[in-house]
Amino acid sequence: MLRYLSTEQLHRSPYLRDSMEQDTGAPLDPRGGDDPLYLLWQRGDGRHGGSMRFLPLSGCLPVWQCSRFCLSPDPDPLVAAALFLGAAEIFDRFRLHHFRCCCDARFTRLCIGIGARPHLQTCKGATDTASLVPNATVKARAARLARLTLGQSAMWFERAFPGCSDRKETQIHMFTKQRP
């Protein structure tokens, strides 16, 4: 199942949090005072199957940065597609302009496999900075590859953000308390 959790919410799920920290090799950190949004695939046994970490960037355009993409060491082959589906849900529901992300060759291959062609902007050693703009086609393809329905994706998002789909002016700062 897809879960959308803040750091505080993730601390209330210690089994999921601990397995994520083990898979990523890094503890949760509040990223300079901002509380990231973690998009996680939670396995049936409650453990971390994969995750992405997002932070809103300041500026006039609604842009979020994906600062981490992680799959568990023994991932289900459907998890990467499920995470892309969740990212596309965030993109749609928060009405984002685009995502900025750090990506290595593996992440770039996953993007292309889903149909989300990353626009590589700069190269920093083995990691590129890319912009992604998920669209309805990418979202539908990710759902199909993950063997999920768009309805399941919407339900998981709405559990995390009740009433979000009813708002006419969903803003990027909806998730973070620190931003006006």
Protein backbone atom coordinates (compact mmCIF):
# COMPACT_ATOMS: atom_id res chain seq x y z
CA MET A 1 0.00 0.00 0.00
CA LEU A 2 1.15 3.56 -0.67
CA ARG A 3 1.56 5.75 2.41
CA TYR A 4 2.12 9.52 2.53
CA LEU A 5 3.74 10.41 5.86
CA SER A 6 5.53 13.30 7.54
CA THR A 7 8.55 12.57 9.73
CA GLU A 8 6.34 12.85 12.81
CA GLN A 9 3.80 10.41 11.38
CA LEU A 10 6.55 8.00 10.37
CA HIS A 11 7.85 7.98 13.95
CA ARG A 12 4.42 6.63 14.97
CA SER A 13 5.05 3.59 12.74
CA PRO A 14 8.36 2.34 14.22
CA TYR A 15 8.49 -0.94 12.27
CA LEU A 16 8.02 0.87 8.96
CA ARG A 17 10.42 3.67 9.99
CA ASP A 18 13.14 1.29 11.20
CA SER A 19 12.97 -0.86 8.08
CA MET A 20 13.14 2.28 5.91
CA GLU A 21 16.18 3.55 7.80
CA GLN A 22 17.82 0.14 7.39
CA ASP A 23 17.14 0.10 3.63
CA THR A 24 18.24 3.70 3.02
CA GLY A 25 21.22 3.49 5.38
CA ALA A 26 20.27 6.88 6.82
CA PRO A 27 18.16 8.04 9.75
CA LEU A 28 15.19 10.32 9.28
CA ASP A 29 16.22 13.93 9.28
CA PRO A 30 14.05 17.05 9.24
CA ARG A 31 16.10 18.61 6.40
CA GLY A 32 16.91 21.94 7.98
CA GLY A 33 13.64 22.42 9.83
CA ASP A 34 11.30 21.51 6.97
CA ASP A 35 9.32 18.33 7.42
CA PRO A 36 9.61 16.23 4.28
CA LEU A 37 6.77 14.23 2.83
CA TYR A 38 7.70 10.57 2.60
CA LEU A 39 5.96 8.49 -0.04
CA LEU A 40 6.37 4.86 0.97
CA TRP A 41 5.35 1.47 -0.29
CA GLN A 42 4.45 -0.53 2.82
CA ARG A 43 4.61 -4.27 2.34
CA GLY A 44 1.92 -6.58 3.62
CA ASP A 45 4.10 -7.41 6.66
CA GLY A 46 4.43 -3.70 7.53
CA ARG A 47 8.03 -3.27 6.30
CA HIS A 48 9.42 -0.70 3.89
CA GLY A 49 9.39 -1.83 0.27
CA GLY A 50 10.52 1.46 -1.26
CA SER A 51 10.23 5.19 -0.73
CA MET A 52 10.68 8.69 -2.07
CA ARG A 53 11.29 11.84 0.00
CA PHE A 54 9.84 15.16 -1.18
CA LEU A 55 10.33 18.76 -0.08
CA PRO A 56 8.62 21.86 -1.44
CA LEU A 57 11.02 24.37 -2.96
CA SER A 58 10.38 28.05 -2.47
CA GLY A 59 9.69 30.23 -5.45
CA CYS A 60 6.83 31.41 -7.59
CA LEU A 61 6.18 28.05 -9.28
CA PRO A 62 4.83 25.08 -7.36
CA VAL A 63 7.86 22.76 -7.53
CA TRP A 64 8.86 19.94 -5.23
CA GLN A 65 12.22 18.28 -4.97
CA CYS A 66 12.55 14.52 -4.70
CA SER A 67 15.69 14.19 -2.63
CA ARG A 68 15.66 10.41 -2.16
CA PHE A 69 14.49 7.36 -4.07
CA CYS A 70 15.07 4.01 -2.42
CA LEU A 71 13.99 0.44 -3.05
CA SER A 72 14.45 -2.25 -0.42
CA PRO A 73 17.31 -4.69 -1.08
CA ASP A 74 14.79 -7.37 -2.13
CA PRO A 75 12.12 -5.26 -3.85
CA ASP A 76 8.96 -6.51 -5.41
CA PRO A 77 9.33 -5.64 -9.10
CA LEU A 78 6.11 -3.63 -8.93
CA VAL A 79 7.27 -1.22 -6.20
CA ALA A 80 9.09 1.29 -8.43
CA ALA A 81 5.97 1.67 -10.59
CA ALA A 82 3.81 2.07 -7.46
CA LEU A 83 6.11 4.86 -6.22
CA PHE A 84 5.88 6.63 -9.59
CA LEU A 85 2.11 6.34 -9.36
CA GLY A 86 2.19 7.94 -5.89
CA ALA A 87 4.49 10.70 -7.15
CA ALA A 88 2.09 11.38 -10.02
CA GLU A 89 -0.75 11.57 -7.47
CA ILE A 90 1.21 14.19 -5.49
CA PHE A 91 1.89 16.07 -8.72
CA ASP A 92 -1.78 16.13 -9.71
CA ARG A 93 -3.34 16.80 -6.32
CA PHE A 94 -0.92 19.55 -5.26
CA ARG A 95 -1.05 21.05 -8.77
CA LEU A 96 2.71 21.12 -9.14
CA HIS A 97 4.56 22.62 -12.08
CA HIS A 98 7.29 19.95 -12.03
CA PHE A 99 9.50 17.81 -9.79
CA ARG A 100 13.21 18.36 -9.44
CA CYS A 101 15.17 15.29 -8.48
CA CYS A 102 18.64 13.90 -8.16
CA CYS A 103 18.87 10.76 -10.21
CA ASP A 104 21.44 8.15 -11.04
CA ALA A 105 21.45 5.88 -14.10
CA ARG A 106 19.14 3.33 -12.42
CA PHE A 107 16.54 5.99 -11.55
CA THR A 108 16.72 7.38 -15.09
CA ARG A 109 16.10 3.88 -16.52
CA LEU A 110 13.10 3.44 -14.20
CA CYS A 111 11.70 6.82 -15.32
CA ILE A 112 12.05 5.90 -18.97
CA GLY A 113 10.48 2.47 -18.36
CA ILE A 114 7.42 4.17 -16.86
CA GLY A 115 7.30 6.67 -19.72
CA ALA A 116 8.39 9.68 -17.63
CA ARG A 117 11.26 11.06 -19.64
CA PRO A 118 13.46 13.05 -17.27
CA HIS A 119 14.90 16.31 -18.57
CA LEU A 120 18.51 16.10 -17.35
CA GLN A 121 19.84 19.50 -16.42
CA THR A 122 23.25 19.21 -14.82
CA CYS A 123 25.72 16.48 -14.14
CA LYS A 124 27.41 16.07 -10.77
CA GLY A 125 29.59 12.99 -11.05
CA ALA A 126 27.35 9.91 -11.20
CA THR A 127 24.22 11.88 -10.31
CA ASP A 128 22.21 14.18 -12.55
CA THR A 129 19.64 16.78 -11.63
CA ALA A 130 16.47 16.29 -13.58
CA SER A 131 13.04 17.81 -14.01
CA LEU A 132 10.07 15.48 -14.30
CA VAL A 133 6.53 16.35 -15.31
CA PRO A 134 4.28 13.31 -14.80
CA ASN A 135 1.18 13.36 -16.99
CA ALA A 136 -2.01 11.29 -17.18
CA THR A 137 -0.39 8.80 -19.55
CA VAL A 138 2.55 8.25 -17.19
CA LYS A 139 0.17 7.92 -14.24
CA ALA A 140 -1.98 5.33 -16.03
CA ARG A 141 1.08 3.38 -17.20
CA ALA A 142 2.56 3.39 -13.68
CA ALA A 143 -0.74 2.08 -12.29
CA ARG A 144 -0.87 -0.68 -14.89
CA LEU A 145 2.77 -1.69 -14.30
CA ALA A 146 2.22 -1.70 -10.52
CA ARG A 147 -0.97 -3.74 -10.97
CA LEU A 148 -2.93 -1.08 -9.12
CA THR A 149 -5.92 0.98 -10.09
CA LEU A 150 -6.14 4.75 -10.25
CA GLY A 151 -8.96 4.39 -7.71
CA GLN A 152 -6.65 2.67 -5.21
CA SER A 153 -4.08 5.41 -5.68
CA ALA A 154 -6.70 8.10 -5.13
CA MET A 155 -8.02 6.34 -2.02
CA TRP A 156 -4.55 6.11 -0.42
CA PHE A 157 -3.90 9.78 -1.15
CA GLU A 158 -7.28 10.85 0.24
CA ARG A 159 -6.62 8.88 3.44
CA ALA A 160 -3.48 10.94 3.94
CA PHE A 161 -4.98 14.27 2.84
CA PRO A 162 -8.73 14.22 3.53
CA GLY A 163 -10.63 16.78 1.50
CA CYS A 164 -7.68 17.64 -0.75
CA SER A 165 -9.59 16.74 -3.89
CA ASP A 166 -12.42 19.08 -2.86
CA ARG A 167 -10.24 22.18 -2.66
CA LYS A 168 -10.24 24.55 -5.57
CA GLU A 169 -6.94 26.14 -4.65
CA THR A 170 -4.70 23.32 -3.43
CA GLN A 171 -1.40 24.97 -2.61
CA ILE A 172 2.10 23.58 -2.42
CA HIS A 173 2.35 24.54 1.27
CA MET A 174 -0.70 22.47 2.16
CA PHE A 175 1.49 19.74 3.63
CA THR A 176 4.11 21.78 5.47
CA LYS A 177 3.15 23.77 8.54
CA GLN A 178 6.13 26.12 8.31
CA ARG A 179 5.14 27.75 5.05
CA PRO A 180 2.54 30.52 4.81
